[in-house]
Amino acid sequence: MSFGLIIILVVSFGYISNWLNWRYLNYKFTHFMYYIGAFVHECSHAILCILTGARIQEFSVFSSQPHVLHSKSKLPLIGNFLISSAPIFGGLCFLYIINHVLLADHFSIATLTGQWSDLYIGPLDLLTQMKPWEWQMWVVVILFLNIGAMIGPSIQDIKNVWIIVILAFFIQSPILIQLGLIALSLILVNIVIQLICISGLKLYSLLRT
């Protein structure tokens, strides 16, 4: 499994996650959580802009289309790729801090080796650690309602660096692949949580009629 393929999967499932929120969980609370995710997402872009020498021209989070407009990076090709893929690493860093500081390392991620089986081993391992009677689980559930917006690079992000994304299909870096698989596992867990919430709301609506 290559890093380029993982990026495409992260973007695709991140899009599905955001679509589920806006289509079936369209509430003020989920909107609020979306903007928390968008804030982390756009801050990740902004930080990499600064680190790679790109000038930030506009920074917008609380709008219908959160975005960061910036000039080209001073690092040819790789700089723009780092800026576009920054949410994967920025989002993971944010969640690591929450888990480490607030939750005292309550959750852990299984060691992922870059095999196709990781697509269910990673999410399943995390889901089995969630216990409804533990408050840590509910913190994670709330945070995971915006994982798609937080971690997943947007389709526009990928369009901006499509040449590098194609080249990334030939990258076999174990570290990058493992980080990408962790991000993908979190998004897949998020989708499972969303589907449970949607099913619960549908059942509640049926029982009321």
N, C-alpha and C. Protein backbone atom coordinates (compact mmCIF):
# COMPACT_ATOMS: atom_id res chain seq x y z
N MET A 1 0.86 -1.19 0.00
CA MET A 1 0.00 0.00 0.00
C MET A 1 0.90 1.24 0.00
N SER A 2 0.63 2.18 -0.90
CA SER A 2 1.47 3.37 -1.03
C SER A 2 0.85 4.56 -0.31
N PHE A 3 1.68 5.57 -0.02
CA PHE A 3 1.21 6.76 0.66
C PHE A 3 0.21 7.52 -0.21
N GLY A 4 0.42 7.51 -1.53
CA GLY A 4 -0.51 8.20 -2.44
C GLY A 4 -1.91 7.62 -2.37
N LEU A 5 -2.00 6.29 -2.34
CA LEU A 5 -3.31 5.62 -2.25
C LEU A 5 -3.98 5.97 -0.92
N ILE A 6 -3.20 6.00 0.15
CA ILE A 6 -3.77 6.31 1.46
C ILE A 6 -4.32 7.73 1.48
N ILE A 7 -3.60 8.67 0.83
CA ILE A 7 -4.09 10.05 0.76
C ILE A 7 -5.44 10.10 0.06
N ILE A 8 -5.57 9.38 -1.06
CA ILE A 8 -6.83 9.35 -1.80
C ILE A 8 -7.94 8.77 -0.94
N LEU A 9 -7.65 7.70 -0.19
CA LEU A 9 -8.65 7.08 0.68
C LEU A 9 -9.05 8.03 1.81
N VAL A 10 -8.08 8.73 2.39
CA VAL A 10 -8.37 9.69 3.46
C VAL A 10 -9.29 10.79 2.94
N VAL A 11 -8.97 11.32 1.78
CA VAL A 11 -9.80 12.38 1.18
C VAL A 11 -11.20 11.86 0.89
N SER A 12 -11.30 10.66 0.30
CA SER A 12 -12.60 10.10 -0.09
C SER A 12 -13.49 9.84 1.12
N PHE A 13 -12.94 9.16 2.13
CA PHE A 13 -13.75 8.85 3.31
C PHE A 13 -14.00 10.10 4.16
N GLY A 14 -13.07 11.05 4.12
CA GLY A 14 -13.31 12.33 4.79
C GLY A 14 -14.48 13.06 4.17
N TYR A 15 -14.58 13.00 2.84
CA TYR A 15 -15.71 13.61 2.14
C TYR A 15 -17.02 12.93 2.53
N ILE A 16 -16.99 11.58 2.59
CA ILE A 16 -18.19 10.84 2.99
C ILE A 16 -18.61 11.23 4.41
N SER A 17 -17.63 11.35 5.29
CA SER A 17 -17.91 11.75 6.67
C SER A 17 -18.60 13.10 6.73
N ASN A 18 -18.05 14.08 6.01
CA ASN A 18 -18.65 15.42 6.01
C ASN A 18 -20.04 15.40 5.38
N TRP A 19 -20.22 14.59 4.33
CA TRP A 19 -21.53 14.50 3.68
C TRP A 19 -22.57 13.92 4.63
N LEU A 20 -22.19 12.89 5.40
CA LEU A 20 -23.12 12.30 6.37
C LEU A 20 -23.55 13.33 7.40
N ASN A 21 -22.60 14.17 7.84
CA ASN A 21 -22.93 15.20 8.82
C ASN A 21 -23.95 16.18 8.26
N TRP A 22 -23.69 16.68 7.05
CA TRP A 22 -24.57 17.70 6.49
C TRP A 22 -25.90 17.12 6.00
N ARG A 23 -25.90 15.85 5.63
CA ARG A 23 -27.13 15.24 5.09
C ARG A 23 -28.04 14.71 6.20
N TYR A 24 -27.47 14.06 7.21
CA TYR A 24 -28.28 13.38 8.22
C TYR A 24 -28.10 13.91 9.64
N LEU A 25 -27.01 14.61 9.92
CA LEU A 25 -26.76 15.12 11.27
C LEU A 25 -26.61 16.64 11.21
N ASN A 26 -27.57 17.25 10.54
CA ASN A 26 -27.50 18.68 10.28
C ASN A 26 -28.11 19.47 11.46
N TYR A 27 -27.33 19.54 12.55
CA TYR A 27 -27.79 20.21 13.76
C TYR A 27 -26.77 21.27 14.17
N LYS A 28 -27.19 22.19 15.04
CA LYS A 28 -26.29 23.26 15.47
C LYS A 28 -25.05 22.69 16.15
N PHE A 29 -25.24 21.61 16.92
CA PHE A 29 -24.10 21.03 17.63
C PHE A 29 -23.07 20.48 16.65
N THR A 30 -23.54 19.75 15.62
CA THR A 30 -22.59 19.20 14.64
C THR A 30 -21.96 20.31 13.82
N HIS A 31 -22.69 21.40 13.59
CA HIS A 31 -22.10 22.55 12.91
C HIS A 31 -20.96 23.12 13.74
N PHE A 32 -21.19 23.23 15.06
CA PHE A 32 -20.17 23.75 15.97
C PHE A 32 -18.94 22.86 15.95
N MET A 33 -19.14 21.54 16.00
CA MET A 33 -18.01 20.61 16.00
C MET A 33 -17.30 20.63 14.65
N TYR A 34 -18.05 20.85 13.59
CA TYR A 34 -17.44 20.95 12.26
C TYR A 34 -16.45 22.10 12.22
N TYR A 35 -16.83 23.24 12.80
CA TYR A 35 -15.94 24.39 12.76
C TYR A 35 -14.72 24.23 13.65
N ILE A 36 -14.84 23.43 14.71
CA ILE A 36 -13.65 23.09 15.49
C ILE A 36 -12.69 22.29 14.62
N GLY A 37 -13.22 21.32 13.91
CA GLY A 37 -12.40 20.55 12.98
C GLY A 37 -11.81 21.42 11.89
N ALA A 38 -12.63 22.34 11.35
CA ALA A 38 -12.16 23.23 10.30
C ALA A 38 -11.05 24.15 10.81
N PHE A 39 -11.16 24.57 12.08
CA PHE A 39 -10.13 25.43 12.67
C PHE A 39 -8.79 24.70 12.72
N VAL A 40 -8.80 23.45 13.19
CA VAL A 40 -7.57 22.66 13.23
C VAL A 40 -7.04 22.44 11.81
N HIS A 41 -7.95 22.14 10.89
CA HIS A 41 -7.60 21.90 9.49
C HIS A 41 -6.89 23.12 8.88
N GLU A 42 -7.53 24.28 9.00
CA GLU A 42 -6.97 25.48 8.38
C GLU A 42 -5.71 25.96 9.10
N CYS A 43 -5.66 25.78 10.42
CA CYS A 43 -4.43 26.14 11.16
C CYS A 43 -3.26 25.28 10.71
N SER A 44 -3.55 24.02 10.41
CA SER A 44 -2.49 23.13 9.91
C SER A 44 -1.94 23.65 8.59
N HIS A 45 -2.84 24.07 7.69
CA HIS A 45 -2.40 24.69 6.43
C HIS A 45 -1.54 25.92 6.72
N ALA A 46 -2.04 26.78 7.61
CA ALA A 46 -1.36 28.04 7.89
C ALA A 46 0.04 27.83 8.46
N ILE A 47 0.17 26.89 9.38
CA ILE A 47 1.47 26.62 10.00
C ILE A 47 2.47 26.14 8.95
N LEU A 48 2.02 25.25 8.06
CA LEU A 48 2.93 24.77 7.01
C LEU A 48 3.24 25.86 6.00
N CYS A 49 2.31 26.80 5.79
CA CYS A 49 2.61 27.96 4.94
C CYS A 49 3.80 28.73 5.52
N ILE A 50 3.73 28.98 6.81
CA ILE A 50 4.80 29.73 7.48
C ILE A 50 6.12 28.97 7.41
N LEU A 51 6.07 27.66 7.66
CA LEU A 51 7.29 26.85 7.70
C LEU A 51 7.93 26.68 6.33
N THR A 52 7.12 26.76 5.27
CA THR A 52 7.67 26.55 3.92
C THR A 52 7.82 27.85 3.14
N GLY A 53 7.59 28.98 3.80
CA GLY A 53 7.83 30.26 3.16
C GLY A 53 6.72 30.76 2.26
N ALA A 54 5.52 30.23 2.39
CA ALA A 54 4.38 30.73 1.61
C ALA A 54 3.69 31.86 2.39
N ARG A 55 3.35 32.93 1.70
CA ARG A 55 2.72 34.07 2.36
C ARG A 55 1.20 33.86 2.45
N ILE A 56 0.65 33.96 3.66
CA ILE A 56 -0.79 33.79 3.87
C ILE A 56 -1.51 35.06 3.43
N GLN A 57 -2.44 34.92 2.50
CA GLN A 57 -3.17 36.07 1.97
C GLN A 57 -4.56 36.20 2.59
N GLU A 58 -5.14 35.08 2.98
CA GLU A 58 -6.47 35.11 3.61
C GLU A 58 -6.65 33.86 4.46
N PHE A 59 -7.17 34.05 5.66
CA PHE A 59 -7.41 32.93 6.58
C PHE A 59 -8.87 33.01 7.02
N SER A 60 -9.67 32.00 6.64
CA SER A 60 -11.09 32.03 6.95
C SER A 60 -11.52 30.67 7.48
N VAL A 61 -12.15 30.66 8.65
CA VAL A 61 -12.64 29.43 9.24
C VAL A 61 -14.16 29.44 9.35
N PHE A 62 -14.71 30.50 9.92
CA PHE A 62 -16.15 30.54 10.21
C PHE A 62 -16.92 31.12 9.02
N SER A 63 -16.83 30.39 7.91
CA SER A 63 -17.56 30.76 6.69
C SER A 63 -18.11 29.49 6.08
N SER A 64 -18.91 29.63 5.04
CA SER A 64 -19.49 28.44 4.41
C SER A 64 -18.42 27.56 3.78
N GLN A 65 -17.30 28.16 3.40
CA GLN A 65 -16.18 27.43 2.81
C GLN A 65 -14.88 27.84 3.49
N PRO A 66 -14.56 27.23 4.65
CA PRO A 66 -13.30 27.57 5.33
C PRO A 66 -12.11 27.35 4.40
N HIS A 67 -11.14 28.27 4.45
CA HIS A 67 -10.01 28.15 3.53
C HIS A 67 -8.84 29.00 3.98
N VAL A 68 -7.69 28.71 3.41
CA VAL A 68 -6.50 29.54 3.56
C VAL A 68 -5.98 29.84 2.15
N LEU A 69 -5.95 31.11 1.79
CA LEU A 69 -5.35 31.50 0.52
C LEU A 69 -3.89 31.87 0.78
N HIS A 70 -3.00 31.38 -0.06
CA HIS A 70 -1.59 31.65 0.17
C HIS A 70 -0.83 31.70 -1.15
N SER A 71 0.34 32.31 -1.10
CA SER A 71 1.21 32.33 -2.27
C SER A 71 1.91 30.98 -2.39
N LYS A 72 2.67 30.81 -3.44
CA LYS A 72 3.40 29.56 -3.62
C LYS A 72 4.50 29.43 -2.57
N SER A 73 4.74 28.20 -2.17
CA SER A 73 5.80 27.94 -1.21
C SER A 73 7.16 28.21 -1.84
N LYS A 74 8.11 28.59 -1.00
CA LYS A 74 9.49 28.80 -1.48
C LYS A 74 10.22 27.48 -1.72
N LEU A 75 9.58 26.38 -1.29
CA LEU A 75 10.13 25.05 -1.57
C LEU A 75 9.39 24.49 -2.79
N PRO A 76 10.02 24.40 -3.93
CA PRO A 76 9.33 23.95 -5.15
C PRO A 76 8.67 22.58 -4.96
N LEU A 77 7.42 22.46 -5.39
CA LEU A 77 6.63 21.24 -5.38
C LEU A 77 6.40 20.66 -3.99
N ILE A 78 7.46 20.28 -3.30
CA ILE A 78 7.30 19.63 -2.01
C ILE A 78 6.66 20.55 -0.99
N GLY A 79 6.94 21.86 -1.08
CA GLY A 79 6.34 22.81 -0.14
C GLY A 79 4.84 22.85 -0.25
N ASN A 80 4.34 22.93 -1.50
CA ASN A 80 2.89 22.97 -1.71
C ASN A 80 2.24 21.65 -1.32
N PHE A 81 2.97 20.54 -1.53
CA PHE A 81 2.45 19.24 -1.12
C PHE A 81 2.32 19.18 0.40
N LEU A 82 3.32 19.67 1.11
CA LEU A 82 3.27 19.67 2.58
C LEU A 82 2.12 20.54 3.08
N ILE A 83 1.90 21.68 2.43
CA ILE A 83 0.80 22.57 2.83
C ILE A 83 -0.55 21.88 2.60
N SER A 84 -0.70 21.23 1.45
CA SER A 84 -1.98 20.60 1.12
C SER A 84 -2.28 19.39 2.00
N SER A 85 -1.25 18.64 2.36
CA SER A 85 -1.47 17.44 3.18
C SER A 85 -1.35 17.72 4.67
N ALA A 86 -1.11 18.97 5.04
CA ALA A 86 -0.90 19.34 6.45
C ALA A 86 -2.01 18.89 7.40
N PRO A 87 -3.30 18.94 6.99
CA PRO A 87 -4.37 18.53 7.93
C PRO A 87 -4.22 17.10 8.46
N ILE A 88 -3.67 16.20 7.65
CA ILE A 88 -3.47 14.83 8.14
C ILE A 88 -2.60 14.84 9.38
N PHE A 89 -1.46 15.54 9.26
CA PHE A 89 -0.49 15.54 10.36
C PHE A 89 -0.91 16.48 11.48
N GLY A 90 -1.49 17.64 11.12
CA GLY A 90 -1.96 18.58 12.14
C GLY A 90 -3.11 18.01 12.95
N GLY A 91 -4.04 17.34 12.27
CA GLY A 91 -5.17 16.72 12.97
C GLY A 91 -4.73 15.61 13.89
N LEU A 92 -3.80 14.78 13.42
CA LEU A 92 -3.27 13.70 14.27
C LEU A 92 -2.55 14.27 15.48
N CYS A 93 -1.80 15.33 15.28
CA CYS A 93 -1.08 15.97 16.39
C CYS A 93 -2.07 16.51 17.43
N PHE A 94 -3.13 17.16 16.97
CA PHE A 94 -4.15 17.71 17.86
C PHE A 94 -4.81 16.59 18.69
N LEU A 95 -5.17 15.50 18.02
CA LEU A 95 -5.83 14.38 18.71
C LEU A 95 -4.86 13.68 19.67
N TYR A 96 -3.59 13.60 19.28
CA TYR A 96 -2.59 13.01 20.18
C TYR A 96 -2.48 13.83 21.47
N ILE A 97 -2.47 15.16 21.33
CA ILE A 97 -2.39 16.03 22.51
C ILE A 97 -3.61 15.84 23.40
N ILE A 98 -4.80 15.77 22.79
CA ILE A 98 -6.02 15.56 23.57
C ILE A 98 -5.96 14.24 24.31
N ASN A 99 -5.55 13.18 23.61
CA ASN A 99 -5.48 11.86 24.23
C ASN A 99 -4.40 11.81 25.32
N HIS A 100 -3.28 12.45 25.07
CA HIS A 100 -2.16 12.39 26.00
C HIS A 100 -2.39 13.26 27.24
N VAL A 101 -2.87 14.49 27.01
CA VAL A 101 -3.02 15.45 28.10
C VAL A 101 -4.36 15.31 28.82
N LEU A 102 -5.46 15.35 28.06
CA LEU A 102 -6.79 15.34 28.67
C LEU A 102 -7.21 13.93 29.09
N LEU A 103 -6.90 12.94 28.26
CA LEU A 103 -7.39 11.57 28.51
C LEU A 103 -6.32 10.65 29.10
N ALA A 104 -5.14 11.20 29.38
CA ALA A 104 -4.04 10.44 30.00
C ALA A 104 -3.72 9.16 29.23
N ASP A 105 -3.62 9.28 27.91
CA ASP A 105 -3.28 8.14 27.03
C ASP A 105 -4.26 6.97 27.21
N HIS A 106 -5.53 7.32 27.34
CA HIS A 106 -6.55 6.28 27.55
C HIS A 106 -6.69 5.37 26.33
N PHE A 107 -6.50 5.94 25.13
CA PHE A 107 -6.66 5.17 23.90
C PHE A 107 -5.31 4.94 23.23
N SER A 108 -5.21 3.84 22.54
CA SER A 108 -4.00 3.53 21.78
C SER A 108 -4.40 3.02 20.41
N ILE A 109 -3.48 3.11 19.47
CA ILE A 109 -3.73 2.65 18.10
C ILE A 109 -2.90 1.41 17.85
N ALA A 110 -3.49 0.40 17.26
CA ALA A 110 -2.77 -0.83 16.93
C ALA A 110 -1.63 -0.53 15.96
N THR A 111 -0.58 -1.31 16.04
CA THR A 111 0.53 -1.17 15.11
C THR A 111 0.07 -1.57 13.71
N LEU A 112 0.17 -0.63 12.77
CA LEU A 112 -0.30 -0.87 11.41
C LEU A 112 0.91 -1.05 10.49
N THR A 113 0.83 -2.02 9.61
CA THR A 113 2.00 -2.41 8.83
C THR A 113 1.88 -2.11 7.33
N GLY A 114 0.79 -1.47 6.93
CA GLY A 114 0.64 -1.15 5.51
C GLY A 114 -0.03 -2.22 4.70
N GLN A 115 -0.71 -3.15 5.35
CA GLN A 115 -1.45 -4.20 4.66
C GLN A 115 -2.93 -3.80 4.53
N TRP A 116 -3.61 -4.42 3.57
CA TRP A 116 -5.03 -4.10 3.39
C TRP A 116 -5.86 -4.44 4.62
N SER A 117 -5.40 -5.42 5.38
CA SER A 117 -6.11 -5.80 6.61
C SER A 117 -6.14 -4.66 7.64
N ASP A 118 -5.22 -3.70 7.50
CA ASP A 118 -5.18 -2.57 8.43
C ASP A 118 -6.45 -1.73 8.35
N LEU A 119 -7.16 -1.82 7.21
CA LEU A 119 -8.36 -1.01 7.03
C LEU A 119 -9.49 -1.43 7.98
N TYR A 120 -9.42 -2.65 8.52
CA TYR A 120 -10.39 -3.02 9.55
C TYR A 120 -9.73 -3.29 10.90
N ILE A 121 -8.44 -3.63 10.90
CA ILE A 121 -7.75 -3.87 12.18
C ILE A 121 -7.67 -2.57 12.98
N GLY A 122 -7.27 -1.48 12.33
CA GLY A 122 -7.13 -0.19 13.02
C GLY A 122 -8.44 0.31 13.62
N PRO A 123 -9.50 0.44 12.80
CA PRO A 123 -10.79 0.90 13.35
C PRO A 123 -11.36 -0.04 14.41
N LEU A 124 -11.27 -1.35 14.16
CA LEU A 124 -11.83 -2.32 15.11
C LEU A 124 -11.11 -2.25 16.45
N ASP A 125 -9.79 -2.09 16.41
CA ASP A 125 -9.02 -2.00 17.65
C ASP A 125 -9.46 -0.79 18.48
N LEU A 126 -9.68 0.34 17.82
CA LEU A 126 -10.09 1.54 18.54
C LEU A 126 -11.52 1.42 19.06
N LEU A 127 -12.41 0.85 18.24
CA LEU A 127 -13.80 0.69 18.66
C LEU A 127 -13.94 -0.22 19.87
N THR A 128 -13.10 -1.26 19.95
CA THR A 128 -13.19 -2.18 21.09
C THR A 128 -12.69 -1.54 22.38
N GLN A 129 -11.98 -0.43 22.28
CA GLN A 129 -11.50 0.28 23.47
C GLN A 129 -12.55 1.24 24.04
N MET A 130 -13.62 1.44 23.29
CA MET A 130 -14.65 2.39 23.72
C MET A 130 -15.66 1.71 24.62
N LYS A 131 -15.77 2.19 25.84
CA LYS A 131 -16.70 1.65 26.83
C LYS A 131 -17.72 2.74 27.18
N PRO A 132 -19.01 2.48 26.96
CA PRO A 132 -20.04 3.51 27.18
C PRO A 132 -20.06 4.08 28.60
N TRP A 133 -19.58 3.33 29.59
CA TRP A 133 -19.59 3.81 30.98
C TRP A 133 -18.38 4.67 31.32
N GLU A 134 -17.47 4.85 30.37
CA GLU A 134 -16.28 5.67 30.61
C GLU A 134 -16.44 7.04 29.95
N TRP A 135 -16.19 8.09 30.70
CA TRP A 135 -16.37 9.44 30.16
C TRP A 135 -15.41 9.72 28.99
N GLN A 136 -14.26 9.05 28.99
CA GLN A 136 -13.29 9.26 27.91
C GLN A 136 -13.89 8.90 26.55
N MET A 137 -14.74 7.88 26.54
CA MET A 137 -15.36 7.48 25.28
C MET A 137 -16.22 8.61 24.73
N TRP A 138 -16.96 9.30 25.58
CA TRP A 138 -17.87 10.33 25.12
C TRP A 138 -17.12 11.56 24.62
N VAL A 139 -15.96 11.83 25.22
CA VAL A 139 -15.10 12.91 24.69
C VAL A 139 -14.67 12.57 23.27
N VAL A 140 -14.27 11.33 23.07
CA VAL A 140 -13.82 10.89 21.74
C VAL A 140 -14.98 10.91 20.74
N VAL A 141 -16.14 10.44 21.15
CA VAL A 141 -17.30 10.44 20.26
C VAL A 141 -17.63 11.86 19.79
N ILE A 142 -17.61 12.80 20.72
CA ILE A 142 -17.90 14.20 20.36
C ILE A 142 -16.84 14.73 19.40
N LEU A 143 -15.57 14.47 19.69
CA LEU A 143 -14.50 14.94 18.82
C LEU A 143 -14.58 14.29 17.45
N PHE A 144 -14.97 13.02 17.42
CA PHE A 144 -14.98 12.30 16.16
C PHE A 144 -16.09 12.75 15.22
N LEU A 145 -17.04 13.53 15.71
CA LEU A 145 -18.08 14.05 14.83
C LEU A 145 -17.53 15.05 13.82
N ASN A 146 -16.27 15.48 14.01
CA ASN A 146 -15.70 16.44 13.06
C ASN A 146 -14.36 15.97 12.49
N ILE A 147 -14.07 14.68 12.63
CA ILE A 147 -12.79 14.16 12.15
C ILE A 147 -12.61 14.35 10.65
N GLY A 148 -13.70 14.16 9.89
CA GLY A 148 -13.60 14.32 8.44
C GLY A 148 -13.14 15.71 8.06
N ALA A 149 -13.67 16.73 8.75
CA ALA A 149 -13.28 18.10 8.47
C ALA A 149 -11.88 18.39 8.99
N MET A 150 -11.49 17.73 10.07
CA MET A 150 -10.21 18.02 10.72
C MET A 150 -9.03 17.41 9.98
N ILE A 151 -9.11 16.13 9.69
CA ILE A 151 -7.96 15.39 9.17
C ILE A 151 -7.90 15.34 7.65
N GLY A 152 -9.04 15.21 7.02
CA GLY A 152 -9.04 14.96 5.58
C GLY A 152 -8.71 16.19 4.75
N PRO A 153 -7.64 16.14 3.94
CA PRO A 153 -7.41 17.22 2.98
C PRO A 153 -8.62 17.33 2.05
N SER A 154 -8.96 18.53 1.65
CA SER A 154 -10.12 18.70 0.77
C SER A 154 -9.77 18.28 -0.65
N ILE A 155 -10.80 18.12 -1.46
CA ILE A 155 -10.57 17.79 -2.87
C ILE A 155 -9.75 18.88 -3.54
N GLN A 156 -10.00 20.14 -3.17
CA GLN A 156 -9.23 21.25 -3.74
C GLN A 156 -7.77 21.15 -3.34
N ASP A 157 -7.51 20.73 -2.08
CA ASP A 157 -6.13 20.54 -1.64
C ASP A 157 -5.40 19.58 -2.55
N ILE A 158 -6.07 18.48 -2.90
CA ILE A 158 -5.45 17.46 -3.75
C ILE A 158 -5.28 17.98 -5.17
N LYS A 159 -6.27 18.74 -5.66
CA LYS A 159 -6.14 19.31 -7.01
C LYS A 159 -4.93 20.22 -7.11
N ASN A 160 -4.62 20.92 -6.01
CA ASN A 160 -3.50 21.86 -6.02
C ASN A 160 -2.16 21.17 -6.22
N VAL A 161 -2.08 19.91 -5.83
CA VAL A 161 -0.79 19.20 -5.89
C VAL A 161 -0.95 17.82 -6.52
N TRP A 162 -1.80 17.71 -7.53
CA TRP A 162 -2.13 16.41 -8.08
C TRP A 162 -0.90 15.68 -8.64
N ILE A 163 0.08 16.44 -9.15
CA ILE A 163 1.28 15.79 -9.68
C ILE A 163 2.03 15.07 -8.57
N ILE A 164 2.17 15.75 -7.41
CA ILE A 164 2.87 15.15 -6.28
C ILE A 164 2.09 13.97 -5.73
N VAL A 165 0.75 14.07 -5.75
CA VAL A 165 -0.07 12.96 -5.25
C VAL A 165 0.17 11.71 -6.11
N ILE A 166 0.27 11.91 -7.42
CA ILE A 166 0.57 10.78 -8.32
C ILE A 166 1.94 10.19 -7.97
N LEU A 167 2.93 11.04 -7.75
CA LEU A 167 4.26 10.56 -7.39
C LEU A 167 4.24 9.84 -6.05
N ALA A 168 3.32 10.28 -5.15
CA ALA A 168 3.23 9.67 -3.82
C ALA A 168 2.78 8.21 -3.89
N PHE A 169 2.20 7.80 -5.03
CA PHE A 169 1.82 6.41 -5.20
C PHE A 169 3.05 5.50 -5.21
N PHE A 170 4.22 6.10 -5.44
CA PHE A 170 5.45 5.32 -5.48
C PHE A 170 6.26 5.46 -4.19
N ILE A 171 5.68 6.19 -3.19
CA ILE A 171 6.37 6.35 -1.91
C ILE A 171 6.02 5.17 -1.01
N GLN A 172 7.04 4.52 -0.49
CA GLN A 172 6.83 3.37 0.39
C GLN A 172 7.41 3.63 1.79
N SER A 173 7.37 4.87 2.22
CA SER A 173 7.90 5.23 3.54
C SER A 173 7.03 4.63 4.65
N PRO A 174 7.57 3.74 5.48
CA PRO A 174 6.77 3.11 6.55
C PRO A 174 6.16 4.13 7.51
N ILE A 175 6.90 5.19 7.83
CA ILE A 175 6.39 6.18 8.78
C ILE A 175 5.20 6.93 8.19
N LEU A 176 5.33 7.41 6.95
CA LEU A 176 4.23 8.14 6.31
C LEU A 176 3.02 7.24 6.12
N ILE A 177 3.26 6.00 5.73
CA ILE A 177 2.16 5.06 5.52
C ILE A 177 1.44 4.77 6.83
N GLN A 178 2.19 4.61 7.92
CA GLN A 178 1.55 4.33 9.21
C GLN A 178 0.74 5.52 9.69
N LEU A 179 1.28 6.74 9.53
CA LEU A 179 0.53 7.94 9.93
C LEU A 179 -0.74 8.08 9.10
N GLY A 180 -0.62 7.82 7.79
CA GLY A 180 -1.79 7.89 6.92
C GLY A 180 -2.84 6.87 7.30
N LEU A 181 -2.41 5.66 7.65
CA LEU A 181 -3.35 4.61 8.05
C LEU A 181 -4.03 4.94 9.37
N ILE A 182 -3.30 5.57 10.29
CA ILE A 182 -3.92 6.01 11.54
C ILE A 182 -5.02 7.02 11.26
N ALA A 183 -4.71 8.01 10.38
CA ALA A 183 -5.71 9.01 10.01
C ALA A 183 -6.92 8.34 9.37
N LEU A 184 -6.67 7.39 8.48
CA LEU A 184 -7.77 6.68 7.81
C LEU A 184 -8.59 5.87 8.81
N SER A 185 -7.93 5.23 9.77
CA SER A 185 -8.64 4.46 10.81
C SER A 185 -9.56 5.36 11.61
N LEU A 186 -9.07 6.56 11.97
CA LEU A 186 -9.89 7.50 12.75
C LEU A 186 -11.12 7.94 11.96
N ILE A 187 -10.94 8.19 10.67
CA ILE A 187 -12.08 8.61 9.85
C ILE A 187 -13.10 7.49 9.72
N LEU A 188 -12.62 6.25 9.56
CA LEU A 188 -13.54 5.11 9.45
C LEU A 188 -14.30 4.89 10.75
N VAL A 189 -13.63 5.07 11.90
CA VAL A 189 -14.33 5.00 13.19
C VAL A 189 -15.37 6.11 13.27
N ASN A 190 -15.00 7.28 12.80
CA ASN A 190 -15.94 8.41 12.78
C ASN A 190 -17.20 8.05 11.99
N ILE A 191 -17.03 7.43 10.82
CA ILE A 191 -18.18 7.06 9.99
C ILE A 191 -19.05 6.03 10.71
N VAL A 192 -18.43 5.08 11.40
CA VAL A 192 -19.20 4.10 12.19
C VAL A 192 -20.03 4.81 13.25
N ILE A 193 -19.41 5.77 13.96
CA ILE A 193 -20.13 6.52 14.99
C ILE A 193 -21.27 7.32 14.38
N GLN A 194 -21.03 7.93 13.22
CA GLN A 194 -22.08 8.68 12.54
C GLN A 194 -23.25 7.77 12.16
N LEU A 195 -22.94 6.59 11.62
CA LEU A 195 -24.01 5.67 11.21
C LEU A 195 -24.82 5.19 12.41
N ILE A 196 -24.15 5.00 13.56
CA ILE A 196 -24.88 4.62 14.78
C ILE A 196 -25.81 5.76 15.21
N CYS A 197 -25.29 6.99 15.16
CA CYS A 197 -26.12 8.15 15.53
C CYS A 197 -27.31 8.30 14.59
N ILE A 198 -27.06 8.15 13.30
CA ILE A 198 -28.14 8.27 12.31
C ILE A 198 -29.20 7.19 12.53
N SER A 199 -28.74 5.96 12.77
CA SER A 199 -29.68 4.86 13.01
C SER A 199 -30.50 5.11 14.27
N GLY A 200 -29.85 5.61 15.32
CA GLY A 200 -30.56 5.92 16.57
C GLY A 200 -31.61 6.99 16.37
N LEU A 201 -31.27 8.01 15.61
CA LEU A 201 -32.22 9.10 15.34
C LEU A 201 -33.40 8.60 14.50
N LYS A 202 -33.11 7.73 13.52
CA LYS A 202 -34.18 7.17 12.70
C LYS A 202 -35.12 6.31 13.54
N LEU A 203 -34.53 5.50 14.43
CA LEU A 203 -35.34 4.65 15.30
C LEU A 203 -36.20 5.49 16.24
N TYR A 204 -35.61 6.54 16.78
CA TYR A 204 -36.36 7.44 17.67
C TYR A 204 -37.52 8.09 16.93
N SER A 205 -37.26 8.49 15.68
CA SER A 205 -38.32 9.10 14.88
C SER A 205 -39.46 8.13 14.59
N LEU A 206 -39.10 6.87 14.33
CA LEU A 206 -40.12 5.85 14.08
C LEU A 206 -40.96 5.56 15.32
N LEU A 207 -40.32 5.53 16.48
CA LEU A 207 -41.02 5.23 17.72
C LEU A 207 -41.98 6.36 18.11
N ARG A 208 -41.67 7.57 17.68
CA ARG A 208 -42.53 8.71 18.01
C ARG A 208 -43.77 8.77 17.14
N THR A 209 -43.71 8.13 15.97
CA THR A 209 -44.86 8.19 15.03
C THR A 209 -45.87 7.11 15.35
